[in-house]
Amino acid sequence: MSPAARIIALVIAAAMFFFSAWMYSRTGDWVAVVFALGSVAYGVYFFSSGPDRRG
């Protein structure tokens, strides 16, 4: 994964987390917690993925 794609993916995962946390604070719905945990998992995956090793 290129550095730019990695940064974009991390920004999107962070935005997903903050939106889910905001929705949980407004509604108290457990589904928002599941989405927040999923976005944290995406963030960890993209953060831990190494640089693109092609060429």
Protein backbone atom coordinates (compact mmCIF):
# COMPACT_ATOMS: atom_id res chain seq x y z
CA MET A 1 0.00 0.00 0.00
CA SER A 2 1.37 3.39 -0.92
CA PRO A 3 1.93 5.95 1.84
CA ALA A 4 -0.82 8.21 0.49
CA ALA A 5 -3.35 5.36 0.41
CA ARG A 6 -2.36 4.37 3.94
CA ILE A 7 -2.91 7.91 5.23
CA ILE A 8 -6.27 8.17 3.47
CA ALA A 9 -7.35 4.83 4.95
CA LEU A 10 -6.31 5.94 8.44
CA VAL A 11 -8.22 9.23 8.09
CA ILE A 12 -11.34 7.40 6.93
CA ALA A 13 -11.07 4.87 9.79
CA ALA A 14 -10.70 7.73 12.29
CA ALA A 15 -13.69 9.54 10.81
CA MET A 16 -15.74 6.33 11.03
CA PHE A 17 -14.75 5.93 14.68
CA PHE A 18 -15.61 9.49 15.67
CA PHE A 19 -18.94 9.34 13.83
CA SER A 20 -19.82 6.05 15.53
CA ALA A 21 -18.82 7.40 18.94
CA TRP A 22 -20.91 10.51 18.33
CA MET A 23 -23.90 8.38 17.28
CA TYR A 24 -23.53 6.26 20.41
CA SER A 25 -23.44 9.35 22.60
CA ARG A 26 -26.64 10.61 20.96
CA THR A 27 -28.60 7.35 20.77
CA GLY A 28 -27.00 4.84 23.14
CA ASP A 29 -27.40 2.20 20.44
CA TRP A 30 -25.12 -0.83 20.73
CA VAL A 31 -24.75 -1.03 16.94
CA ALA A 32 -22.77 2.21 17.00
CA VAL A 33 -20.36 0.59 19.45
CA VAL A 34 -19.89 -2.35 17.06
CA PHE A 35 -19.13 0.04 14.21
CA ALA A 36 -16.70 1.99 16.42
CA LEU A 37 -14.86 -1.20 17.32
CA GLY A 38 -14.78 -2.18 13.66
CA SER A 39 -13.29 1.15 12.70
CA VAL A 40 -10.62 0.74 15.39
CA ALA A 41 -9.79 -2.65 13.90
CA TYR A 42 -9.50 -1.08 10.43
CA GLY A 43 -7.25 1.61 11.86
CA VAL A 44 -4.97 -0.94 13.50
CA TYR A 45 -4.82 -2.94 10.27
CA PHE A 46 -3.92 0.06 8.13
CA PHE A 47 -1.49 1.42 10.72
CA SER A 48 0.34 -1.89 10.99
CA SER A 49 0.43 -2.56 7.25
CA GLY A 50 3.87 -1.98 5.87
CA PRO A 51 4.87 0.10 2.87
CA ASP A 52 4.27 -1.12 -0.63
CA ARG A 53 7.05 -3.52 -1.57
CA ARG A 54 6.45 -3.61 -5.32
CA GLY A 55 9.34 -2.59 -7.54
